[in-house]
Amino acid sequence: MSRVEATHPLVECGALELDRRGTDGVDIVLAWEPRTNRVAVAVVDERTSDRFLIEVDPANALDAFYHPYAYVSSRTHDETDAVGAGIR
């Protein structure tokens, strides 16, 4: 486990990076915020400049990490919502 890198949107809440993967310009990070026990998946697509954050139930963390686009419609937070929730 490592702290999420300084440029990542999850860093300001002190989230710990649990896993990271990247393919073809898409970077996906699974992070956990220990103070609140919140889990989130952050996706950055450098090709399209899309960025989104999905707060997920810890029981679904690995599934969301491997299939983040399946979780987008109902669980995506824009940056304002993510800040308010304490995960960024």
PDB file of N, CA and C in Angstrom:
ATOM      1  N   MET A   1       0.841  -1.170   0.000  1.00  0.00           N
ATOM      2  CA  MET A   1       0.000   0.000   0.000  1.00  0.00           C
ATOM      3  C   MET A   1       0.886   1.233   0.000  1.00  0.00           C
ATOM      4  N   SER A   2       0.473   2.230  -0.740  1.00  0.00           N
ATOM      5  CA  SER A   2       1.218   3.477  -0.734  1.00  0.00           C
ATOM      6  C   SER A   2       0.233   4.631  -0.785  1.00  0.00           C
ATOM      7  N   ARG A   3       0.722   5.763  -0.392  1.00  0.00           N
ATOM      8  CA  ARG A   3      -0.103   6.959  -0.515  1.00  0.00           C
ATOM      9  C   ARG A   3      -0.287   7.253  -1.994  1.00  0.00           C
ATOM     10  N   VAL A   4      -1.472   7.751  -2.334  1.00  0.00           N
ATOM     11  CA  VAL A   4      -1.748   8.094  -3.717  1.00  0.00           C
ATOM     12  C   VAL A   4      -0.854   9.261  -4.103  1.00  0.00           C
ATOM     13  N   GLU A   5      -0.304   9.238  -5.306  1.00  0.00           N
ATOM     14  CA  GLU A   5       0.641  10.258  -5.734  1.00  0.00           C
ATOM     15  C   GLU A   5       0.038  11.656  -5.657  1.00  0.00           C
ATOM     16  N   ALA A   6       0.876  12.650  -5.485  1.00  0.00           N
ATOM     17  CA  ALA A   6       0.440  14.021  -5.214  1.00  0.00           C
ATOM     18  C   ALA A   6      -0.454  14.607  -6.289  1.00  0.00           C
ATOM     19  N   THR A   7      -0.331  14.179  -7.512  1.00  0.00           N
ATOM     20  CA  THR A   7      -1.143  14.748  -8.581  1.00  0.00           C
ATOM     21  C   THR A   7      -2.483  14.049  -8.738  1.00  0.00           C
ATOM     22  N   HIS A   8      -2.718  13.009  -7.986  1.00  0.00           N
ATOM     23  CA  HIS A   8      -3.951  12.251  -8.147  1.00  0.00           C
ATOM     24  C   HIS A   8      -5.089  12.900  -7.374  1.00  0.00           C
ATOM     25  N   PRO A   9      -6.327  12.866  -7.904  1.00  0.00           N
ATOM     26  CA  PRO A   9      -7.441  13.541  -7.241  1.00  0.00           C
ATOM     27  C   PRO A   9      -7.810  12.987  -5.870  1.00  0.00           C
ATOM     28  N   LEU A  10      -7.345  11.813  -5.504  1.00  0.00           N
ATOM     29  CA  LEU A  10      -7.676  11.248  -4.200  1.00  0.00           C
ATOM     30  C   LEU A  10      -6.728  11.679  -3.094  1.00  0.00           C
ATOM     31  N   VAL A  11      -5.667  12.385  -3.442  1.00  0.00           N
ATOM     32  CA  VAL A  11      -4.605  12.644  -2.479  1.00  0.00           C
ATOM     33  C   VAL A  11      -5.018  13.576  -1.351  1.00  0.00           C
ATOM     34  N   GLU A  12      -5.876  14.520  -1.597  1.00  0.00           N
ATOM     35  CA  GLU A  12      -6.169  15.539  -0.598  1.00  0.00           C
ATOM     36  C   GLU A  12      -6.890  14.999   0.623  1.00  0.00           C
ATOM     37  N   CYS A  13      -7.514  13.850   0.524  1.00  0.00           N
ATOM     38  CA  CYS A  13      -8.206  13.289   1.687  1.00  0.00           C
ATOM     39  C   CYS A  13      -7.348  12.286   2.426  1.00  0.00           C
ATOM     40  N   GLY A  14      -6.114  12.044   1.978  1.00  0.00           N
ATOM     41  CA  GLY A  14      -5.244  11.098   2.646  1.00  0.00           C
ATOM     42  C   GLY A  14      -5.525   9.647   2.290  1.00  0.00           C
ATOM     43  N   ALA A  15      -6.137   9.417   1.153  1.00  0.00           N
ATOM     44  CA  ALA A  15      -6.466   8.056   0.728  1.00  0.00           C
ATOM     45  C   ALA A  15      -5.203   7.256   0.453  1.00  0.00           C
ATOM     46  N   LEU A  16      -5.291   5.972   0.733  1.00  0.00           N
ATOM     47  CA  LEU A  16      -4.200   5.049   0.439  1.00  0.00           C
ATOM     48  C   LEU A  16      -4.483   4.323  -0.866  1.00  0.00           C
ATOM     49  N   GLU A  17      -3.479   4.246  -1.716  1.00  0.00           N
ATOM     50  CA  GLU A  17      -3.615   3.520  -2.963  1.00  0.00           C
ATOM     51  C   GLU A  17      -3.482   2.032  -2.672  1.00  0.00           C
ATOM     52  N   LEU A  18      -4.527   1.272  -2.985  1.00  0.00           N
ATOM     53  CA  LEU A  18      -4.505  -0.171  -2.781  1.00  0.00           C
ATOM     54  C   LEU A  18      -4.017  -0.906  -4.014  1.00  0.00           C
ATOM     55  N   ASP A  19      -4.351  -0.358  -5.199  1.00  0.00           N
ATOM     56  CA  ASP A  19      -3.926  -0.988  -6.450  1.00  0.00           C
ATOM     57  C   ASP A  19      -4.019   0.043  -7.555  1.00  0.00           C
ATOM     58  N   ARG A  20      -3.279  -0.204  -8.615  1.00  0.00           N
ATOM     59  CA  ARG A  20      -3.282   0.692  -9.781  1.00  0.00           C
ATOM     60  C   ARG A  20      -3.036  -0.161 -11.011  1.00  0.00           C
ATOM     61  N   ARG A  21      -3.687   0.226 -12.080  1.00  0.00           N
ATOM     62  CA  ARG A  21      -3.414  -0.422 -13.363  1.00  0.00           C
ATOM     63  C   ARG A  21      -3.604   0.598 -14.466  1.00  0.00           C
ATOM     64  N   GLY A  22      -2.973   0.351 -15.571  1.00  0.00           N
ATOM     65  CA  GLY A  22      -3.093   1.258 -16.698  1.00  0.00           C
ATOM     66  C   GLY A  22      -2.938   0.511 -18.001  1.00  0.00           C
ATOM     67  N   THR A  23      -3.742   0.920 -18.970  1.00  0.00           N
ATOM     68  CA  THR A  23      -3.698   0.327 -20.295  1.00  0.00           C
ATOM     69  C   THR A  23      -4.079   1.386 -21.317  1.00  0.00           C
ATOM     70  N   ASP A  24      -3.259   1.550 -22.337  1.00  0.00           N
ATOM     71  CA  ASP A  24      -3.594   2.393 -23.480  1.00  0.00           C
ATOM     72  C   ASP A  24      -4.065   3.795 -23.076  1.00  0.00           C
ATOM     73  N   GLY A  25      -3.374   4.401 -22.108  1.00  0.00           N
ATOM     74  CA  GLY A  25      -3.699   5.771 -21.716  1.00  0.00           C
ATOM     75  C   GLY A  25      -4.790   5.905 -20.677  1.00  0.00           C
ATOM     76  N   VAL A  26      -5.299   4.788 -20.157  1.00  0.00           N
ATOM     77  CA  VAL A  26      -6.326   4.828 -19.118  1.00  0.00           C
ATOM     78  C   VAL A  26      -5.692   4.355 -17.813  1.00  0.00           C
ATOM     79  N   ASP A  27      -5.699   5.232 -16.798  1.00  0.00           N
ATOM     80  CA  ASP A  27      -5.119   4.938 -15.495  1.00  0.00           C
ATOM     81  C   ASP A  27      -6.258   4.724 -14.503  1.00  0.00           C
ATOM     82  N   ILE A  28      -6.245   3.605 -13.790  1.00  0.00           N
ATOM     83  CA  ILE A  28      -7.301   3.258 -12.837  1.00  0.00           C
ATOM     84  C   ILE A  28      -6.658   3.005 -11.485  1.00  0.00           C
ATOM     85  N   VAL A  29      -7.183   3.668 -10.454  1.00  0.00           N
ATOM     86  CA  VAL A  29      -6.644   3.553  -9.109  1.00  0.00           C
ATOM     87  C   VAL A  29      -7.751   3.131  -8.153  1.00  0.00           C
ATOM     88  N   LEU A  30      -7.450   2.139  -7.323  1.00  0.00           N
ATOM     89  CA  LEU A  30      -8.340   1.726  -6.237  1.00  0.00           C
ATOM     90  C   LEU A  30      -7.766   2.333  -4.967  1.00  0.00           C
ATOM     91  N   ALA A  31      -8.582   3.112  -4.263  1.00  0.00           N
ATOM     92  CA  ALA A  31      -8.094   3.803  -3.069  1.00  0.00           C
ATOM     93  C   ALA A  31      -9.058   3.626  -1.907  1.00  0.00           C
ATOM     94  N   TRP A  32      -8.482   3.687  -0.707  1.00  0.00           N
ATOM     95  CA  TRP A  32      -9.248   3.532   0.524  1.00  0.00           C
ATOM     96  C   TRP A  32      -8.902   4.679   1.462  1.00  0.00           C
ATOM     97  N   GLU A  33      -9.926   5.282   2.033  1.00  0.00           N
ATOM     98  CA  GLU A  33      -9.747   6.363   2.992  1.00  0.00           C
ATOM     99  C   GLU A  33      -9.959   5.769   4.384  1.00  0.00           C
ATOM    100  N   PRO A  34      -8.890   5.532   5.144  1.00  0.00           N
ATOM    101  CA  PRO A  34      -9.013   4.800   6.400  1.00  0.00           C
ATOM    102  C   PRO A  34      -9.845   5.481   7.481  1.00  0.00           C
ATOM    103  N   ARG A  35      -9.870   6.805   7.509  1.00  0.00           N
ATOM    104  CA  ARG A  35     -10.644   7.484   8.554  1.00  0.00           C
ATOM    105  C   ARG A  35     -12.138   7.232   8.414  1.00  0.00           C
ATOM    106  N   THR A  36     -12.622   7.120   7.176  1.00  0.00           N
ATOM    107  CA  THR A  36     -14.060   6.954   6.940  1.00  0.00           C
ATOM    108  C   THR A  36     -14.410   5.566   6.415  1.00  0.00           C
ATOM    109  N   ASN A  37     -13.401   4.771   6.095  1.00  0.00           N
ATOM    110  CA  ASN A  37     -13.556   3.445   5.493  1.00  0.00           C
ATOM    111  C   ASN A  37     -14.228   3.508   4.118  1.00  0.00           C
ATOM    112  N   ARG A  38     -14.108   4.630   3.443  1.00  0.00           N
ATOM    113  CA  ARG A  38     -14.661   4.764   2.094  1.00  0.00           C
ATOM    114  C   ARG A  38     -13.674   4.211   1.075  1.00  0.00           C
ATOM    115  N   VAL A  39     -14.232   3.613   0.033  1.00  0.00           N
ATOM    116  CA  VAL A  39     -13.434   3.058  -1.053  1.00  0.00           C
ATOM    117  C   VAL A  39     -13.875   3.735  -2.340  1.00  0.00           C
ATOM    118  N   ALA A  40     -12.907   4.061  -3.171  1.00  0.00           N
ATOM    119  CA  ALA A  40     -13.222   4.714  -4.435  1.00  0.00           C
ATOM    120  C   ALA A  40     -12.315   4.185  -5.534  1.00  0.00           C
ATOM    121  N   VAL A  41     -12.824   4.269  -6.741  1.00  0.00           N
ATOM    122  CA  VAL A  41     -12.055   3.956  -7.940  1.00  0.00           C
ATOM    123  C   VAL A  41     -11.991   5.243  -8.754  1.00  0.00           C
ATOM    124  N   ALA A  42     -10.789   5.645  -9.093  1.00  0.00           N
ATOM    125  CA  ALA A  42     -10.593   6.836  -9.912  1.00  0.00           C
ATOM    126  C   ALA A  42     -10.096   6.403 -11.286  1.00  0.00           C
ATOM    127  N   VAL A  43     -10.668   6.997 -12.314  1.00  0.00           N
ATOM    128  CA  VAL A  43     -10.293   6.677 -13.690  1.00  0.00           C
ATOM    129  C   VAL A  43      -9.879   7.966 -14.386  1.00  0.00           C
ATOM    130  N   VAL A  44      -8.713   7.936 -15.018  1.00  0.00           N
ATOM    131  CA  VAL A  44      -8.229   9.059 -15.815  1.00  0.00           C
ATOM    132  C   VAL A  44      -7.901   8.512 -17.198  1.00  0.00           C
ATOM    133  N   ASP A  45      -8.592   9.043 -18.201  1.00  0.00           N
ATOM    134  CA  ASP A  45      -8.353   8.635 -19.587  1.00  0.00           C
ATOM    135  C   ASP A  45      -7.620   9.773 -20.281  1.00  0.00           C
ATOM    136  N   GLU A  46      -6.332   9.607 -20.476  1.00  0.00           N
ATOM    137  CA  GLU A  46      -5.510  10.650 -21.096  1.00  0.00           C
ATOM    138  C   GLU A  46      -5.881  10.890 -22.560  1.00  0.00           C
ATOM    139  N   ARG A  47      -6.442   9.899 -23.223  1.00  0.00           N
ATOM    140  CA  ARG A  47      -6.807  10.045 -24.643  1.00  0.00           C
ATOM    141  C   ARG A  47      -7.973  11.002 -24.825  1.00  0.00           C
ATOM    142  N   THR A  48      -8.942  10.936 -23.907  1.00  0.00           N
ATOM    143  CA  THR A  48     -10.158  11.749 -24.048  1.00  0.00           C
ATOM    144  C   THR A  48     -10.261  12.852 -23.006  1.00  0.00           C
ATOM    145  N   SER A  49      -9.313  12.891 -22.064  1.00  0.00           N
ATOM    146  CA  SER A  49      -9.316  13.828 -20.935  1.00  0.00           C
ATOM    147  C   SER A  49     -10.463  13.589 -19.968  1.00  0.00           C
ATOM    148  N   ASP A  50     -11.115  12.431 -20.048  1.00  0.00           N
ATOM    149  CA  ASP A  50     -12.173  12.089 -19.099  1.00  0.00           C
ATOM    150  C   ASP A  50     -11.553  11.710 -17.770  1.00  0.00           C
ATOM    151  N   ARG A  51     -12.196  12.154 -16.691  1.00  0.00           N
ATOM    152  CA  ARG A  51     -11.769  11.818 -15.331  1.00  0.00           C
ATOM    153  C   ARG A  51     -13.028  11.609 -14.525  1.00  0.00           C
ATOM    154  N   PHE A  52     -13.088  10.501 -13.795  1.00  0.00           N
ATOM    155  CA  PHE A  52     -14.223  10.321 -12.906  1.00  0.00           C
ATOM    156  C   PHE A  52     -13.835   9.501 -11.699  1.00  0.00           C
ATOM    157  N   LEU A  53     -14.645   9.656 -10.666  1.00  0.00           N
ATOM    158  CA  LEU A  53     -14.435   9.001  -9.397  1.00  0.00           C
ATOM    159  C   LEU A  53     -15.701   8.248  -9.045  1.00  0.00           C
ATOM    160  N   ILE A  54     -15.544   6.987  -8.655  1.00  0.00           N
ATOM    161  CA  ILE A  54     -16.692   6.163  -8.290  1.00  0.00           C
ATOM    162  C   ILE A  54     -16.501   5.736  -6.840  1.00  0.00           C
ATOM    163  N   GLU A  55     -17.391   6.147  -5.976  1.00  0.00           N
ATOM    164  CA  GLU A  55     -17.354   5.651  -4.606  1.00  0.00           C
ATOM    165  C   GLU A  55     -18.124   4.342  -4.601  1.00  0.00           C
ATOM    166  N   VAL A  56     -17.505   3.287  -4.076  1.00  0.00           N
ATOM    167  CA  VAL A  56     -18.122   1.964  -4.122  1.00  0.00           C
ATOM    168  C   VAL A  56     -18.174   1.330  -2.737  1.00  0.00           C
ATOM    169  N   ASP A  57     -19.091   0.400  -2.589  1.00  0.00           N
ATOM    170  CA  ASP A  57     -19.164  -0.391  -1.375  1.00  0.00           C
ATOM    171  C   ASP A  57     -17.876  -1.203  -1.287  1.00  0.00           C
ATOM    172  N   PRO A  58     -17.246  -1.256  -0.122  1.00  0.00           N
ATOM    173  CA  PRO A  58     -15.998  -2.026  -0.011  1.00  0.00           C
ATOM    174  C   PRO A  58     -16.123  -3.473  -0.493  1.00  0.00           C
ATOM    175  N   ALA A  59     -17.298  -4.058  -0.370  1.00  0.00           N
ATOM    176  CA  ALA A  59     -17.503  -5.436  -0.838  1.00  0.00           C
ATOM    177  C   ALA A  59     -17.395  -5.548  -2.352  1.00  0.00           C
ATOM    178  N   ASN A  60     -17.594  -4.440  -3.069  1.00  0.00           N
ATOM    179  CA  ASN A  60     -17.539  -4.435  -4.535  1.00  0.00           C
ATOM    180  C   ASN A  60     -16.258  -3.801  -5.068  1.00  0.00           C
ATOM    181  N   ALA A  61     -15.296  -3.545  -4.199  1.00  0.00           N
ATOM    182  CA  ALA A  61     -14.115  -2.784  -4.590  1.00  0.00           C
ATOM    183  C   ALA A  61     -13.339  -3.407  -5.751  1.00  0.00           C
ATOM    184  N   LEU A  62     -13.035  -4.673  -5.672  1.00  0.00           N
ATOM    185  CA  LEU A  62     -12.248  -5.290  -6.753  1.00  0.00           C
ATOM    186  C   LEU A  62     -13.037  -5.369  -8.054  1.00  0.00           C
ATOM    187  N   ASP A  63     -14.315  -5.664  -7.971  1.00  0.00           N
ATOM    188  CA  ASP A  63     -15.127  -5.699  -9.187  1.00  0.00           C
ATOM    189  C   ASP A  63     -15.158  -4.326  -9.841  1.00  0.00           C
ATOM    190  N   ALA A  64     -15.323  -3.283  -9.040  1.00  0.00           N
ATOM    191  CA  ALA A  64     -15.334  -1.919  -9.583  1.00  0.00           C
ATOM    192  C   ALA A  64     -13.970  -1.541 -10.153  1.00  0.00           C
ATOM    193  N   PHE A  65     -12.898  -2.005  -9.522  1.00  0.00           N
ATOM    194  CA  PHE A  65     -11.552  -1.728 -10.011  1.00  0.00           C
ATOM    195  C   PHE A  65     -11.329  -2.348 -11.391  1.00  0.00           C
ATOM    196  N   TYR A  66     -11.791  -3.579 -11.568  1.00  0.00           N
ATOM    197  CA  TYR A  66     -11.592  -4.260 -12.848  1.00  0.00           C
ATOM    198  C   TYR A  66     -12.639  -3.898 -13.899  1.00  0.00           C
ATOM    199  N   HIS A  67     -13.781  -3.390 -13.485  1.00  0.00           N
ATOM    200  CA  HIS A  67     -14.862  -3.042 -14.416  1.00  0.00           C
ATOM    201  C   HIS A  67     -15.468  -1.685 -14.061  1.00  0.00           C
ATOM    202  N   PRO A  68     -14.665  -0.611 -14.019  1.00  0.00           N
ATOM    203  CA  PRO A  68     -15.181   0.674 -13.539  1.00  0.00           C
ATOM    204  C   PRO A  68     -16.309   1.248 -14.391  1.00  0.00           C
ATOM    205  N   TYR A  69     -16.279   0.990 -15.679  1.00  0.00           N
ATOM    206  CA  TYR A  69     -17.316   1.573 -16.536  1.00  0.00           C
ATOM    207  C   TYR A  69     -18.689   0.968 -16.262  1.00  0.00           C
ATOM    208  N   ALA A  70     -18.737  -0.219 -15.687  1.00  0.00           N
ATOM    209  CA  ALA A  70     -20.019  -0.826 -15.310  1.00  0.00           C
ATOM    210  C   ALA A  70     -20.642  -0.118 -14.108  1.00  0.00           C
ATOM    211  N   TYR A  71     -19.834   0.617 -13.354  1.00  0.00           N
ATOM    212  CA  TYR A  71     -20.314   1.311 -12.160  1.00  0.00           C
ATOM    213  C   TYR A  71     -20.563   2.797 -12.387  1.00  0.00           C
ATOM    214  N   VAL A  72     -20.264   3.293 -13.548  1.00  0.00           N
ATOM    215  CA  VAL A  72     -20.313   4.727 -13.806  1.00  0.00           C
ATOM    216  C   VAL A  72     -21.695   5.338 -13.644  1.00  0.00           C
ATOM    217  N   SER A  73     -22.712   4.757 -14.211  1.00  0.00           N
ATOM    218  CA  SER A  73     -24.013   5.426 -14.288  1.00  0.00           C
ATOM    219  C   SER A  73     -24.614   5.786 -12.948  1.00  0.00           C
ATOM    220  N   SER A  74     -24.507   4.912 -11.957  1.00  0.00           N
ATOM    221  CA  SER A  74     -25.186   5.200 -10.701  1.00  0.00           C
ATOM    222  C   SER A  74     -24.268   5.677  -9.587  1.00  0.00           C
ATOM    223  N   ARG A  75     -22.948   5.553  -9.740  1.00  0.00           N
ATOM    224  CA  ARG A  75     -22.066   5.833  -8.618  1.00  0.00           C
ATOM    225  C   ARG A  75     -21.040   6.928  -8.882  1.00  0.00           C
ATOM    226  N   THR A  76     -21.079   7.576 -10.019  1.00  0.00           N
ATOM    227  CA  THR A  76     -20.054   8.555 -10.334  1.00  0.00           C
ATOM    228  C   THR A  76     -20.303   9.864  -9.609  1.00  0.00           C
ATOM    229  N   HIS A  77     -19.228  10.445  -9.102  1.00  0.00           N
ATOM    230  CA  HIS A  77     -19.287  11.759  -8.467  1.00  0.00           C
ATOM    231  C   HIS A  77     -18.513  12.718  -9.340  1.00  0.00           C
ATOM    232  N   ASP A  78     -19.078  13.915  -9.523  1.00  0.00           N
ATOM    233  CA  ASP A  78     -18.229  14.914 -10.154  1.00  0.00           C
ATOM    234  C   ASP A  78     -17.305  15.452  -9.080  1.00  0.00           C
ATOM    235  N   GLU A  79     -16.403  16.334  -9.433  1.00  0.00           N
ATOM    236  CA  GLU A  79     -15.394  16.771  -8.482  1.00  0.00           C
ATOM    237  C   GLU A  79     -16.018  17.470  -7.276  1.00  0.00           C
ATOM    238  N   THR A  80     -17.094  18.216  -7.461  1.00  0.00           N
ATOM    239  CA  THR A  80     -17.735  18.914  -6.347  1.00  0.00           C
ATOM    240  C   THR A  80     -18.319  17.921  -5.360  1.00  0.00           C
ATOM    241  N   ASP A  81     -19.015  16.898  -5.827  1.00  0.00           N
ATOM    242  CA  ASP A  81     -19.586  15.892  -4.950  1.00  0.00           C
ATOM    243  C   ASP A  81     -18.490  15.124  -4.230  1.00  0.00           C
ATOM    244  N   ALA A  82     -17.417  14.821  -4.914  1.00  0.00           N
ATOM    245  CA  ALA A  82     -16.334  14.048  -4.319  1.00  0.00           C
ATOM    246  C   ALA A  82     -15.684  14.812  -3.178  1.00  0.00           C
ATOM    247  N   VAL A  83     -15.512  16.106  -3.362  1.00  0.00           N
ATOM    248  CA  VAL A  83     -14.923  16.920  -2.300  1.00  0.00           C
ATOM    249  C   VAL A  83     -15.845  16.944  -1.095  1.00  0.00           C
ATOM    250  N   GLY A  84     -17.127  17.116  -1.320  1.00  0.00           N
ATOM    251  CA  GLY A  84     -18.090  17.153  -0.232  1.00  0.00           C
ATOM    252  C   GLY A  84     -18.162  15.846   0.521  1.00  0.00           C
ATOM    253  N   ALA A  85     -17.919  14.741  -0.169  1.00  0.00           N
ATOM    254  CA  ALA A  85     -17.967  13.432   0.456  1.00  0.00           C
ATOM    255  C   ALA A  85     -16.684  13.092   1.196  1.00  0.00           C
ATOM    256  N   GLY A  86     -15.666  13.921   1.043  1.00  0.00           N
ATOM    257  CA  GLY A  86     -14.414  13.655   1.721  1.00  0.00           C
ATOM    258  C   GLY A  86     -13.458  12.782   0.931  1.00  0.00           C
ATOM    259  N   ILE A  87     -13.837  12.407  -0.269  1.00  0.00           N
ATOM    260  CA  ILE A  87     -12.949  11.627  -1.143  1.00  0.00           C
ATOM    261  C   ILE A  87     -12.740  12.437  -2.396  1.00  0.00           C
ATOM    262  N   ARG A  88     -11.485  12.624  -2.730  1.00  0.00           N
ATOM    263  CA  ARG A  88     -11.199  13.425  -3.909  1.00  0.00           C
ATOM    264  C   ARG A  88     -10.023  12.858  -4.643  1.00  0.00           C
TER     265      ARG A  88
END
